[in-house]
Amino acid sequence: MKEPFKIIFEDDYLIAVNKLGKLLVHPASKGDESTLTTVLAKKMGYKVYPCHRLDRETTGILLYAKDKKTEQSIMGQFRNGLIQKEYLALVKGRMKKFKGLLESMIIDKQGAQHGEKQKNAKTIYRVIKFYGDFSLVKLRPLTGRTHQLRIQLADVGHPILGERTYAFGRDFKVKFRRIALHACFLSFNHPLSSDRVDLKADLPYDMQELIKSKTDAA
């Protein structure tokens, strides 16, 4: 069975993987054993500590610590806005502006059900290319709200292909079997040396194939 990840960086303190498939990072409920964290720990032979999250269907870079002290250091960088993240998404239609800032008060669906308050969300975006019924967009979230990119893009009329929580399947001319969102870049300060570490992950096969099918048909 093919592993649902590829290790792209490792040293004595950290492991970064490119998450490839539909797999939870953390257990969603008691009894969930097949998660990326458990699969990676089994491969490595010791416990690993996820420093952040990706949705089940989102592919791309995920950073793990090999000990609790390193985990807390990286999570502190996330809280203080010292970590830069970038995503690539295939979104419905053509955005009116080539680049800009999405800023809004949002709450994810589960949070709304539990009566949580809306929080301010900011995302810088840039359209890379338009492919007829969808566009390839680069996104840089400046805040870390749950489902931030999915909600903000849906709110401006350009939901991510494959979105089923914040958009309806019937709204899409182009069908995609998962949410077409990929964490392509992560930059952080190494907890030991303080050197800046930049990690990149190419678009996954399924997103590349959709783009190629539209390019070949043009």
C-alpha atoms as a PDB file:
ATOM      1  CA  MET A   1       0.000   0.000   0.000  1.00  0.00           C
ATOM      2  CA  LYS A   2       1.336   3.397  -0.992  1.00  0.00           C
ATOM      3  CA  GLU A   3       2.104   5.686   1.938  1.00  0.00           C
ATOM      4  CA  PRO A   4      -0.189   8.746   2.107  1.00  0.00           C
ATOM      5  CA  PHE A   5       2.781  11.074   2.582  1.00  0.00           C
ATOM      6  CA  LYS A   6       6.317  11.781   1.440  1.00  0.00           C
ATOM      7  CA  ILE A   7       9.033  13.029   3.802  1.00  0.00           C
ATOM      8  CA  ILE A   8      10.484  16.258   2.369  1.00  0.00           C
ATOM      9  CA  PHE A   9      12.599  17.455   5.310  1.00  0.00           C
ATOM     10  CA  GLU A  10      14.093  15.831   8.401  1.00  0.00           C
ATOM     11  CA  ASP A  11      16.694  16.605  11.041  1.00  0.00           C
ATOM     12  CA  ASP A  12      17.149  15.753  14.736  1.00  0.00           C
ATOM     13  CA  TYR A  13      14.216  17.956  15.758  1.00  0.00           C
ATOM     14  CA  LEU A  14      11.682  18.117  12.943  1.00  0.00           C
ATOM     15  CA  ILE A  15      10.040  16.112  10.164  1.00  0.00           C
ATOM     16  CA  ALA A  16       8.097  17.724   7.321  1.00  0.00           C
ATOM     17  CA  VAL A  17       5.890  15.639   5.071  1.00  0.00           C
ATOM     18  CA  ASN A  18       3.963  16.262   1.901  1.00  0.00           C
ATOM     19  CA  LYS A  19       0.495  14.930   2.725  1.00  0.00           C
ATOM     20  CA  LEU A  20      -0.791  13.168  -0.380  1.00  0.00           C
ATOM     21  CA  GLY A  21      -4.166  11.586   0.335  1.00  0.00           C
ATOM     22  CA  LYS A  22      -7.477  11.958   2.118  1.00  0.00           C
ATOM     23  CA  LEU A  23      -6.312  11.317   5.649  1.00  0.00           C
ATOM     24  CA  LEU A  24      -7.006  12.997   8.979  1.00  0.00           C
ATOM     25  CA  VAL A  25      -4.043  14.554  10.765  1.00  0.00           C
ATOM     26  CA  HIS A  26      -5.626  14.088  14.213  1.00  0.00           C
ATOM     27  CA  PRO A  27      -8.274  11.618  15.385  1.00  0.00           C
ATOM     28  CA  ALA A  28     -11.735  13.118  14.844  1.00  0.00           C
ATOM     29  CA  SER A  29     -13.278  10.861  17.467  1.00  0.00           C
ATOM     30  CA  LYS A  30     -12.257   8.203  19.957  1.00  0.00           C
ATOM     31  CA  GLY A  31     -11.202   5.078  18.130  1.00  0.00           C
ATOM     32  CA  ASP A  32      -9.819   6.813  15.013  1.00  0.00           C
ATOM     33  CA  GLU A  33      -6.517   5.003  14.551  1.00  0.00           C
ATOM     34  CA  SER A  34      -5.759   5.584  10.883  1.00  0.00           C
ATOM     35  CA  THR A  35      -4.462   9.148  10.925  1.00  0.00           C
ATOM     36  CA  LEU A  36      -1.415  10.707   9.310  1.00  0.00           C
ATOM     37  CA  THR A  37       0.117  11.155  12.751  1.00  0.00           C
ATOM     38  CA  THR A  38      -0.243   7.475  13.690  1.00  0.00           C
ATOM     39  CA  VAL A  39       0.959   6.250  10.276  1.00  0.00           C
ATOM     40  CA  LEU A  40       4.037   8.498  10.423  1.00  0.00           C
ATOM     41  CA  ALA A  41       4.801   7.476  14.029  1.00  0.00           C
ATOM     42  CA  LYS A  42       4.610   3.819  13.032  1.00  0.00           C
ATOM     43  CA  LYS A  43       7.024   4.391  10.159  1.00  0.00           C
ATOM     44  CA  MET A  44       9.487   6.341  12.305  1.00  0.00           C
ATOM     45  CA  GLY A  45       9.226   4.013  15.319  1.00  0.00           C
ATOM     46  CA  TYR A  46       8.582   6.785  17.837  1.00  0.00           C
ATOM     47  CA  LYS A  47       5.968   9.392  18.749  1.00  0.00           C
ATOM     48  CA  VAL A  48       5.715  12.520  16.601  1.00  0.00           C
ATOM     49  CA  TYR A  49       3.962  15.793  17.401  1.00  0.00           C
ATOM     50  CA  PRO A  50       1.998  17.684  14.717  1.00  0.00           C
ATOM     51  CA  CYS A  51       2.699  21.428  14.949  1.00  0.00           C
ATOM     52  CA  HIS A  52      -0.394  22.499  12.954  1.00  0.00           C
ATOM     53  CA  ARG A  53      -3.320  21.049  11.020  1.00  0.00           C
ATOM     54  CA  LEU A  54      -4.539  20.415   7.503  1.00  0.00           C
ATOM     55  CA  ASP A  55      -8.073  19.343   6.600  1.00  0.00           C
ATOM     56  CA  ARG A  56      -8.572  15.701   5.653  1.00  0.00           C
ATOM     57  CA  GLU A  57      -8.828  16.504   1.914  1.00  0.00           C
ATOM     58  CA  THR A  58      -6.132  19.177   1.782  1.00  0.00           C
ATOM     59  CA  THR A  59      -2.737  18.031   0.496  1.00  0.00           C
ATOM     60  CA  GLY A  60       0.662  19.560   1.102  1.00  0.00           C
ATOM     61  CA  ILE A  61       3.221  20.443   3.750  1.00  0.00           C
ATOM     62  CA  LEU A  62       2.709  19.385   7.344  1.00  0.00           C
ATOM     63  CA  LEU A  63       5.377  19.946   9.992  1.00  0.00           C
ATOM     64  CA  TYR A  64       5.994  17.531  12.878  1.00  0.00           C
ATOM     65  CA  ALA A  65       8.245  17.845  15.924  1.00  0.00           C
ATOM     66  CA  LYS A  66      10.185  14.958  17.402  1.00  0.00           C
ATOM     67  CA  ASP A  67       9.722  16.206  20.993  1.00  0.00           C
ATOM     68  CA  LYS A  68       7.315  18.374  22.991  1.00  0.00           C
ATOM     69  CA  LYS A  69       9.768  21.255  23.468  1.00  0.00           C
ATOM     70  CA  THR A  70      10.256  21.628  19.708  1.00  0.00           C
ATOM     71  CA  GLU A  71       6.508  21.336  19.153  1.00  0.00           C
ATOM     72  CA  GLN A  72       5.847  24.186  21.604  1.00  0.00           C
ATOM     73  CA  SER A  73       8.514  26.345  19.914  1.00  0.00           C
ATOM     74  CA  ILE A  74       6.966  25.911  16.456  1.00  0.00           C
ATOM     75  CA  MET A  75       3.432  26.413  17.760  1.00  0.00           C
ATOM     76  CA  GLY A  76       4.614  29.632  19.405  1.00  0.00           C
ATOM     77  CA  GLN A  77       5.823  30.855  16.010  1.00  0.00           C
ATOM     78  CA  PHE A  78       2.389  30.110  14.563  1.00  0.00           C
ATOM     79  CA  ARG A  79       0.686  32.071  17.369  1.00  0.00           C
ATOM     80  CA  ASN A  80       3.025  35.039  16.904  1.00  0.00           C
ATOM     81  CA  GLY A  81       2.668  35.189  13.123  1.00  0.00           C
ATOM     82  CA  LEU A  82       6.294  34.237  12.435  1.00  0.00           C
ATOM     83  CA  ILE A  83       5.441  31.372  10.091  1.00  0.00           C
ATOM     84  CA  GLN A  84       4.551  32.047   6.477  1.00  0.00           C
ATOM     85  CA  LYS A  85       2.180  29.646   4.737  1.00  0.00           C
ATOM     86  CA  GLU A  86       1.084  29.615   1.103  1.00  0.00           C
ATOM     87  CA  TYR A  87      -1.531  27.497  -0.620  1.00  0.00           C
ATOM     88  CA  LEU A  88      -2.544  26.769  -4.195  1.00  0.00           C
ATOM     89  CA  ALA A  89      -6.236  26.311  -4.948  1.00  0.00           C
ATOM     90  CA  LEU A  90      -8.379  25.646  -7.983  1.00  0.00           C
ATOM     91  CA  VAL A  91     -11.414  27.899  -7.619  1.00  0.00           C
ATOM     92  CA  LYS A  92     -14.646  28.354  -9.504  1.00  0.00           C
ATOM     93  CA  GLY A  93     -14.671  30.991 -12.266  1.00  0.00           C
ATOM     94  CA  ARG A  94     -12.470  34.033 -12.768  1.00  0.00           C
ATOM     95  CA  MET A  95     -11.859  36.449  -9.911  1.00  0.00           C
ATOM     96  CA  LYS A  96     -12.534  40.090 -10.810  1.00  0.00           C
ATOM     97  CA  LYS A  97      -9.190  41.342  -9.530  1.00  0.00           C
ATOM     98  CA  PHE A  98      -5.853  39.728 -10.380  1.00  0.00           C
ATOM     99  CA  LYS A  99      -4.654  40.145  -6.787  1.00  0.00           C
ATOM    100  CA  GLY A 100      -5.869  41.571  -3.528  1.00  0.00           C
ATOM    101  CA  LEU A 101      -6.732  41.083   0.131  1.00  0.00           C
ATOM    102  CA  LEU A 102      -9.698  39.121   1.421  1.00  0.00           C
ATOM    103  CA  GLU A 103     -10.716  40.435   4.842  1.00  0.00           C
ATOM    104  CA  SER A 104     -13.894  39.404   6.645  1.00  0.00           C
ATOM    105  CA  MET A 105     -15.412  38.177   9.892  1.00  0.00           C
ATOM    106  CA  ILE A 106     -15.926  34.424   9.644  1.00  0.00           C
ATOM    107  CA  ILE A 107     -16.880  31.344  11.626  1.00  0.00           C
ATOM    108  CA  ASP A 108     -16.634  27.751  10.466  1.00  0.00           C
ATOM    109  CA  LYS A 109     -19.793  25.631  10.343  1.00  0.00           C
ATOM    110  CA  GLN A 110     -18.995  23.569  13.431  1.00  0.00           C
ATOM    111  CA  GLY A 111     -18.065  26.668  15.421  1.00  0.00           C
ATOM    112  CA  ALA A 112     -21.344  28.329  14.468  1.00  0.00           C
ATOM    113  CA  GLN A 113     -23.241  25.274  15.696  1.00  0.00           C
ATOM    114  CA  HIS A 114     -21.512  25.598  19.067  1.00  0.00           C
ATOM    115  CA  GLY A 115     -22.296  29.305  19.358  1.00  0.00           C
ATOM    116  CA  GLU A 116     -18.745  30.563  18.842  1.00  0.00           C
ATOM    117  CA  LYS A 117     -18.204  34.167  17.761  1.00  0.00           C
ATOM    118  CA  GLN A 118     -16.976  35.271  14.356  1.00  0.00           C
ATOM    119  CA  LYS A 119     -13.299  36.208  14.080  1.00  0.00           C
ATOM    120  CA  ASN A 120     -11.430  38.476  11.702  1.00  0.00           C
ATOM    121  CA  ALA A 121      -9.718  36.661   8.821  1.00  0.00           C
ATOM    122  CA  LYS A 122      -7.200  38.052   6.336  1.00  0.00           C
ATOM    123  CA  THR A 123      -5.857  36.383   3.200  1.00  0.00           C
ATOM    124  CA  ILE A 124      -3.657  37.760   0.420  1.00  0.00           C
ATOM    125  CA  TYR A 125      -4.446  36.202  -2.962  1.00  0.00           C
ATOM    126  CA  ARG A 126      -3.021  36.252  -6.482  1.00  0.00           C
ATOM    127  CA  VAL A 127      -4.537  34.652  -9.580  1.00  0.00           C
ATOM    128  CA  ILE A 128      -1.892  32.631 -11.401  1.00  0.00           C
ATOM    129  CA  LYS A 129      -3.905  31.469 -14.420  1.00  0.00           C
ATOM    130  CA  PHE A 130      -7.482  31.184 -15.678  1.00  0.00           C
ATOM    131  CA  TYR A 131      -8.575  27.897 -17.291  1.00  0.00           C
ATOM    132  CA  GLY A 132     -12.058  28.646 -18.587  1.00  0.00           C
ATOM    133  CA  ASP A 133     -14.397  27.501 -15.814  1.00  0.00           C
ATOM    134  CA  PHE A 134     -11.830  27.667 -13.001  1.00  0.00           C
ATOM    135  CA  SER A 135      -8.681  29.496 -11.911  1.00  0.00           C
ATOM    136  CA  LEU A 136      -5.424  28.568 -10.201  1.00  0.00           C
ATOM    137  CA  VAL A 137      -4.947  30.924  -7.261  1.00  0.00           C
ATOM    138  CA  LYS A 138      -2.109  31.354  -4.763  1.00  0.00           C
ATOM    139  CA  LEU A 139      -3.241  32.177  -1.230  1.00  0.00           C
ATOM    140  CA  ARG A 140      -1.305  33.492   1.761  1.00  0.00           C
ATOM    141  CA  PRO A 141      -3.361  33.484   4.964  1.00  0.00           C
ATOM    142  CA  LEU A 142      -2.329  36.187   7.435  1.00  0.00           C
ATOM    143  CA  THR A 143      -4.560  34.716  10.139  1.00  0.00           C
ATOM    144  CA  GLY A 144      -5.191  31.087  11.071  1.00  0.00           C
ATOM    145  CA  ARG A 145      -8.951  30.623  11.313  1.00  0.00           C
ATOM    146  CA  THR A 146     -10.541  27.211  10.835  1.00  0.00           C
ATOM    147  CA  HIS A 147     -11.537  26.698   7.174  1.00  0.00           C
ATOM    148  CA  GLN A 148     -10.455  30.297   6.502  1.00  0.00           C
ATOM    149  CA  LEU A 149      -9.566  29.926   2.827  1.00  0.00           C
ATOM    150  CA  ARG A 150     -12.600  27.764   2.052  1.00  0.00           C
ATOM    151  CA  ILE A 151     -15.025  30.182   3.702  1.00  0.00           C
ATOM    152  CA  GLN A 152     -13.563  33.401   2.300  1.00  0.00           C
ATOM    153  CA  LEU A 153     -13.392  32.123  -1.278  1.00  0.00           C
ATOM    154  CA  ALA A 154     -16.952  30.795  -1.094  1.00  0.00           C
ATOM    155  CA  ASP A 155     -18.143  34.123   0.343  1.00  0.00           C
ATOM    156  CA  VAL A 156     -16.790  36.055  -2.668  1.00  0.00           C
ATOM    157  CA  GLY A 157     -18.405  33.659  -5.149  1.00  0.00           C
ATOM    158  CA  HIS A 158     -15.324  31.606  -6.017  1.00  0.00           C
ATOM    159  CA  PRO A 159     -15.496  28.448  -3.882  1.00  0.00           C
ATOM    160  CA  ILE A 160     -12.682  25.932  -4.122  1.00  0.00           C
ATOM    161  CA  LEU A 161     -13.462  23.069  -6.503  1.00  0.00           C
ATOM    162  CA  GLY A 162     -14.794  20.088  -4.575  1.00  0.00           C
ATOM    163  CA  GLU A 163     -16.206  22.240  -1.761  1.00  0.00           C
ATOM    164  CA  ARG A 164     -19.281  20.650  -0.172  1.00  0.00           C
ATOM    165  CA  THR A 165     -19.550  22.422   3.192  1.00  0.00           C
ATOM    166  CA  TYR A 166     -19.641  26.074   2.101  1.00  0.00           C
ATOM    167  CA  ALA A 167     -21.011  25.558  -1.423  1.00  0.00           C
ATOM    168  CA  PHE A 168     -23.344  23.197  -3.291  1.00  0.00           C
ATOM    169  CA  GLY A 169     -22.116  20.565  -5.735  1.00  0.00           C
ATOM    170  CA  ARG A 170     -24.625  21.797  -8.321  1.00  0.00           C
ATOM    171  CA  ASP A 171     -22.867  25.180  -8.366  1.00  0.00           C
ATOM    172  CA  PHE A 172     -19.771  23.714 -10.050  1.00  0.00           C
ATOM    173  CA  LYS A 173     -19.385  23.110 -13.773  1.00  0.00           C
ATOM    174  CA  VAL A 174     -16.039  21.441 -13.073  1.00  0.00           C
ATOM    175  CA  LYS A 175     -16.228  18.436 -10.742  1.00  0.00           C
ATOM    176  CA  PHE A 176     -13.398  17.439  -8.415  1.00  0.00           C
ATOM    177  CA  ARG A 177     -13.385  14.498  -5.997  1.00  0.00           C
ATOM    178  CA  ARG A 178     -11.887  16.398  -3.081  1.00  0.00           C
ATOM    179  CA  ILE A 179     -11.261  19.991  -2.046  1.00  0.00           C
ATOM    180  CA  ALA A 180      -8.694  21.279  -4.543  1.00  0.00           C
ATOM    181  CA  LEU A 181      -6.449  22.912  -1.953  1.00  0.00           C
ATOM    182  CA  HIS A 182      -2.713  22.309  -1.524  1.00  0.00           C
ATOM    183  CA  ALA A 183      -0.291  23.682   1.089  1.00  0.00           C
ATOM    184  CA  CYS A 184       2.633  24.459  -1.216  1.00  0.00           C
ATOM    185  CA  PHE A 185       4.999  26.552   0.944  1.00  0.00           C
ATOM    186  CA  LEU A 186       5.981  26.813   4.612  1.00  0.00           C
ATOM    187  CA  SER A 187       8.665  29.060   6.079  1.00  0.00           C
ATOM    188  CA  PHE A 188       9.752  29.090   9.738  1.00  0.00           C
ATOM    189  CA  ASN A 189      12.671  29.760  12.070  1.00  0.00           C
ATOM    190  CA  HIS A 190      14.472  26.601  13.125  1.00  0.00           C
ATOM    191  CA  PRO A 191      13.972  26.155  16.893  1.00  0.00           C
ATOM    192  CA  LEU A 192      17.671  25.402  17.524  1.00  0.00           C
ATOM    193  CA  SER A 193      19.652  27.557  15.079  1.00  0.00           C
ATOM    194  CA  SER A 194      17.013  30.240  14.345  1.00  0.00           C
ATOM    195  CA  ASP A 195      17.959  29.875  10.669  1.00  0.00           C
ATOM    196  CA  ARG A 196      15.057  30.374   8.280  1.00  0.00           C
ATOM    197  CA  VAL A 197      13.813  27.126   6.724  1.00  0.00           C
ATOM    198  CA  ASP A 198      11.775  27.267   3.501  1.00  0.00           C
ATOM    199  CA  LEU A 199       9.856  24.175   2.392  1.00  0.00           C
ATOM    200  CA  LYS A 200       8.042  23.636  -0.914  1.00  0.00           C
ATOM    201  CA  ALA A 201       5.716  20.950  -2.268  1.00  0.00           C
ATOM    202  CA  ASP A 202       4.623  20.688  -5.904  1.00  0.00           C
ATOM    203  CA  LEU A 203       0.974  20.419  -6.896  1.00  0.00           C
ATOM    204  CA  PRO A 204      -0.423  16.916  -6.381  1.00  0.00           C
ATOM    205  CA  TYR A 205      -1.148  14.644  -9.317  1.00  0.00           C
ATOM    206  CA  ASP A 206      -4.935  15.121  -9.363  1.00  0.00           C
ATOM    207  CA  MET A 207      -4.736  18.930  -9.506  1.00  0.00           C
ATOM    208  CA  GLN A 208      -2.019  18.746 -12.179  1.00  0.00           C
ATOM    209  CA  GLU A 209      -4.136  16.367 -14.256  1.00  0.00           C
ATOM    210  CA  LEU A 210      -7.171  18.658 -14.171  1.00  0.00           C
ATOM    211  CA  ILE A 211      -5.060  21.603 -15.310  1.00  0.00           C
ATOM    212  CA  LYS A 212      -3.442  19.467 -18.016  1.00  0.00           C
ATOM    213  CA  SER A 213      -6.856  18.308 -19.316  1.00  0.00           C
ATOM    214  CA  LYS A 214      -7.968  21.919 -19.768  1.00  0.00           C
ATOM    215  CA  THR A 215      -4.631  22.941 -21.292  1.00  0.00           C
ATOM    216  CA  ASP A 216      -4.678  20.045 -23.793  1.00  0.00           C
ATOM    217  CA  ALA A 217      -8.265  20.862 -24.762  1.00  0.00           C
ATOM    218  CA  ALA A 218      -7.467  24.515 -25.473  1.00  0.00           C
END
